C-alpha atoms as a PDB file:
ATOM      1  CA  MET A   1       0.000   0.000   0.000  1.00  0.00           C
ATOM      2  CA  LEU A   2       2.779   2.429   0.940  1.00  0.00           C
ATOM      3  CA  LYS A   3       4.772   1.405  -2.137  1.00  0.00           C
ATOM      4  CA  ALA A   4       1.806   2.141  -4.420  1.00  0.00           C
ATOM      5  CA  LEU A   5       1.214   5.527  -2.768  1.00  0.00           C
ATOM      6  CA  LEU A   6       4.865   6.479  -3.155  1.00  0.00           C
ATOM      7  CA  MET A   7       4.834   5.389  -6.794  1.00  0.00           C
ATOM      8  CA  MET A   8       1.733   7.532  -7.503  1.00  0.00           C
ATOM      9  CA  LEU A   9       3.372  10.567  -5.839  1.00  0.00           C
ATOM     10  CA  VAL A  10       6.535  10.167  -7.920  1.00  0.00           C
ATOM     11  CA  LEU A  11       4.553   9.634 -11.114  1.00  0.00           C
ATOM     12  CA  GLY A  12       2.296  12.604 -10.367  1.00  0.00           C
ATOM     13  CA  GLY A  13       5.278  14.840  -9.670  1.00  0.00           C
ATOM     14  CA  PHE A  14       6.991  13.798 -12.892  1.00  0.00           C
ATOM     15  CA  VAL A  15       3.892  14.365 -15.016  1.00  0.00           C
ATOM     16  CA  GLY A  16       3.388  17.744 -13.315  1.00  0.00           C
ATOM     17  CA  LEU A  17       6.915  18.811 -14.216  1.00  0.00           C
ATOM     18  CA  VAL A  18       6.485  17.690 -17.827  1.00  0.00           C
ATOM     19  CA  LEU A  19       3.184  19.582 -18.145  1.00  0.00           C
ATOM     20  CA  GLY A  20       4.699  22.684 -16.540  1.00  0.00           C
ATOM     21  CA  PHE A  21       7.599  22.637 -18.993  1.00  0.00           C
ATOM     22  CA  ALA A  22       5.269  22.053 -21.945  1.00  0.00           C
ATOM     23  CA  SER A  23       3.059  24.992 -20.974  1.00  0.00           C
ATOM     24  CA  LYS A  24       6.085  27.319 -21.040  1.00  0.00           C
ATOM     25  CA  ALA A  25       7.709  25.833 -24.142  1.00  0.00           C
ATOM     26  CA  PHE A  26       4.589  25.806 -26.321  1.00  0.00           C
ATOM     27  CA  HIS A  27       2.977  29.076 -25.160  1.00  0.00           C
ATOM     28  CA  VAL A  28       1.332  31.067 -27.966  1.00  0.00           C
ATOM     29  CA  GLU A  29       0.526  34.738 -27.469  1.00  0.00           C
ATOM     30  CA  PRO A  30      -3.118  35.448 -28.421  1.00  0.00           C
ATOM     31  CA  ASP A  31      -4.036  38.020 -31.076  1.00  0.00           C
ATOM     32  CA  HIS A  32      -5.508  40.944 -29.145  1.00  0.00           C
ATOM     33  CA  ARG A  33      -6.890  42.508 -32.324  1.00  0.00           C
ATOM     34  CA  GLU A  34      -9.672  39.931 -32.246  1.00  0.00           C
ATOM     35  CA  GLU A  35     -11.002  41.292 -28.929  1.00  0.00           C
ATOM     36  CA  GLU A  36     -10.834  44.875 -30.183  1.00  0.00           C
ATOM     37  CA  LEU A  37     -12.630  43.968 -33.409  1.00  0.00           C
ATOM     38  CA  LEU A  38     -15.322  42.147 -31.445  1.00  0.00           C
ATOM     39  CA  ALA A  39     -15.923  45.315 -29.431  1.00  0.00           C
ATOM     40  CA  MET A  40     -16.351  47.296 -32.663  1.00  0.00           C
ATOM     41  CA  LEU A  41     -18.901  44.903 -34.189  1.00  0.00           C
ATOM     42  CA  PRO A  42     -22.617  45.431 -33.444  1.00  0.00           C
ATOM     43  CA  GLY A  43     -22.945  42.347 -31.223  1.00  0.00           C
ATOM     44  CA  TYR A  44     -26.214  41.028 -32.668  1.00  0.00           C
ATOM     45  CA  ASN A  45     -24.751  37.544 -33.282  1.00  0.00           C
ATOM     46  CA  CYS A  46     -27.190  37.156 -36.163  1.00  0.00           C
ATOM     47  CA  GLY A  47     -24.984  34.957 -38.362  1.00  0.00           C
ATOM     48  CA  GLY A  48     -25.927  36.943 -41.465  1.00  0.00           C
ATOM     49  CA  CYS A  49     -22.252  37.201 -42.394  1.00  0.00           C
ATOM     50  CA  GLY A  50     -21.882  33.438 -42.576  1.00  0.00           C
ATOM     51  CA  TYR A  51     -19.924  33.138 -39.327  1.00  0.00           C
ATOM     52  CA  PRO A  52     -21.294  31.804 -36.025  1.00  0.00           C
ATOM     53  CA  GLY A  53     -21.852  35.211 -34.466  1.00  0.00           C
ATOM     54  CA  CYS A  54     -19.737  38.301 -34.054  1.00  0.00           C
ATOM     55  CA  SER A  55     -16.864  36.440 -32.389  1.00  0.00           C
ATOM     56  CA  GLY A  56     -16.473  34.271 -35.493  1.00  0.00           C
ATOM     57  CA  MET A  57     -16.537  37.357 -37.684  1.00  0.00           C
ATOM     58  CA  ALA A  58     -13.921  39.071 -35.486  1.00  0.00           C
ATOM     59  CA  ALA A  59     -11.657  36.007 -35.711  1.00  0.00           C
ATOM     60  CA  ALA A  60     -11.999  35.940 -39.492  1.00  0.00           C
ATOM     61  CA  LEU A  61     -11.245  39.652 -39.749  1.00  0.00           C
ATOM     62  CA  ALA A  62      -8.202  39.289 -37.501  1.00  0.00           C
ATOM     63  CA  ASP A  63      -6.690  36.464 -39.543  1.00  0.00           C
ATOM     64  CA  GLY A  64      -7.479  38.167 -42.858  1.00  0.00           C
ATOM     65  CA  SER A  65      -9.970  35.657 -44.239  1.00  0.00           C
ATOM     66  CA  GLY A  66     -13.127  37.711 -43.587  1.00  0.00           C
ATOM     67  CA  SER A  67     -14.617  40.859 -45.046  1.00  0.00           C
ATOM     68  CA  ILE A  68     -16.465  43.455 -42.988  1.00  0.00           C
ATOM     69  CA  ASP A  69     -18.754  44.075 -45.973  1.00  0.00           C
ATOM     70  CA  LYS A  70     -20.544  40.792 -45.126  1.00  0.00           C
ATOM     71  CA  CYS A  71     -21.763  42.259 -41.805  1.00  0.00           C
ATOM     72  CA  LYS A  72     -25.239  43.510 -42.651  1.00  0.00           C
ATOM     73  CA  PRO A  73     -26.166  45.163 -39.294  1.00  0.00           C
ATOM     74  CA  SER A  74     -23.021  47.330 -39.208  1.00  0.00           C
ATOM     75  CA  LYS A  75     -23.487  50.894 -40.320  1.00  0.00           C
ATOM     76  CA  ALA A  76     -21.230  52.420 -42.972  1.00  0.00           C
ATOM     77  CA  ASP A  77     -19.229  54.508 -40.484  1.00  0.00           C
ATOM     78  CA  VAL A  78     -18.531  51.435 -38.322  1.00  0.00           C
ATOM     79  CA  LYS A  79     -17.439  49.456 -41.384  1.00  0.00           C
ATOM     80  CA  ALA A  80     -15.091  52.285 -42.349  1.00  0.00           C
ATOM     81  CA  ALA A  81     -13.689  52.424 -38.805  1.00  0.00           C
ATOM     82  CA  ILE A  82     -13.038  48.652 -38.820  1.00  0.00           C
ATOM     83  CA  LYS A  83     -11.341  48.854 -42.228  1.00  0.00           C
ATOM     84  CA  GLN A  84      -9.161  51.696 -40.938  1.00  0.00           C
ATOM     85  CA  TYR A  85      -8.342  49.726 -37.783  1.00  0.00           C
ATOM     86  CA  LEU A  86      -7.278  46.704 -39.859  1.00  0.00           C
ATOM     87  CA  ALA A  87      -5.115  48.957 -42.059  1.00  0.00           C
ATOM     88  CA  ASP A  88      -3.485  50.580 -39.023  1.00  0.00           C
ATOM     89  CA  HIS A  89      -2.933  47.294 -37.153  1.00  0.00           C
ATOM     90  CA  PRO A  90      -1.746  44.663 -39.648  1.00  0.00           C
ATOM     91  CA  LYS A  91      -1.462  41.029 -38.659  1.00  0.00           C
ATOM     92  CA  GLU A  92       1.907  40.236 -37.087  1.00  0.00           C
ATOM     93  CA  ALA A  93       3.943  37.518 -38.725  1.00  0.00           C
END
């Protein structure tokens, strides 16, 4: 019983160290433009653009695969502001 408990503690400690190292080694910094674009969108989550809500549209705009012209509820001035934002803050390589 004691031998099994000791073995589980050693194994748990080893796996914890491996996971801790992996979390540091494979860390990816998130794209903060996506959050800012989401705040600029109308927030109706209608899906009229073909994406599953405004968060999907913001992700597509941030990675360059989407077009703000597909967002039907956005007014023209908001669309222009989003286009200007994307021009001023290009995607980092």
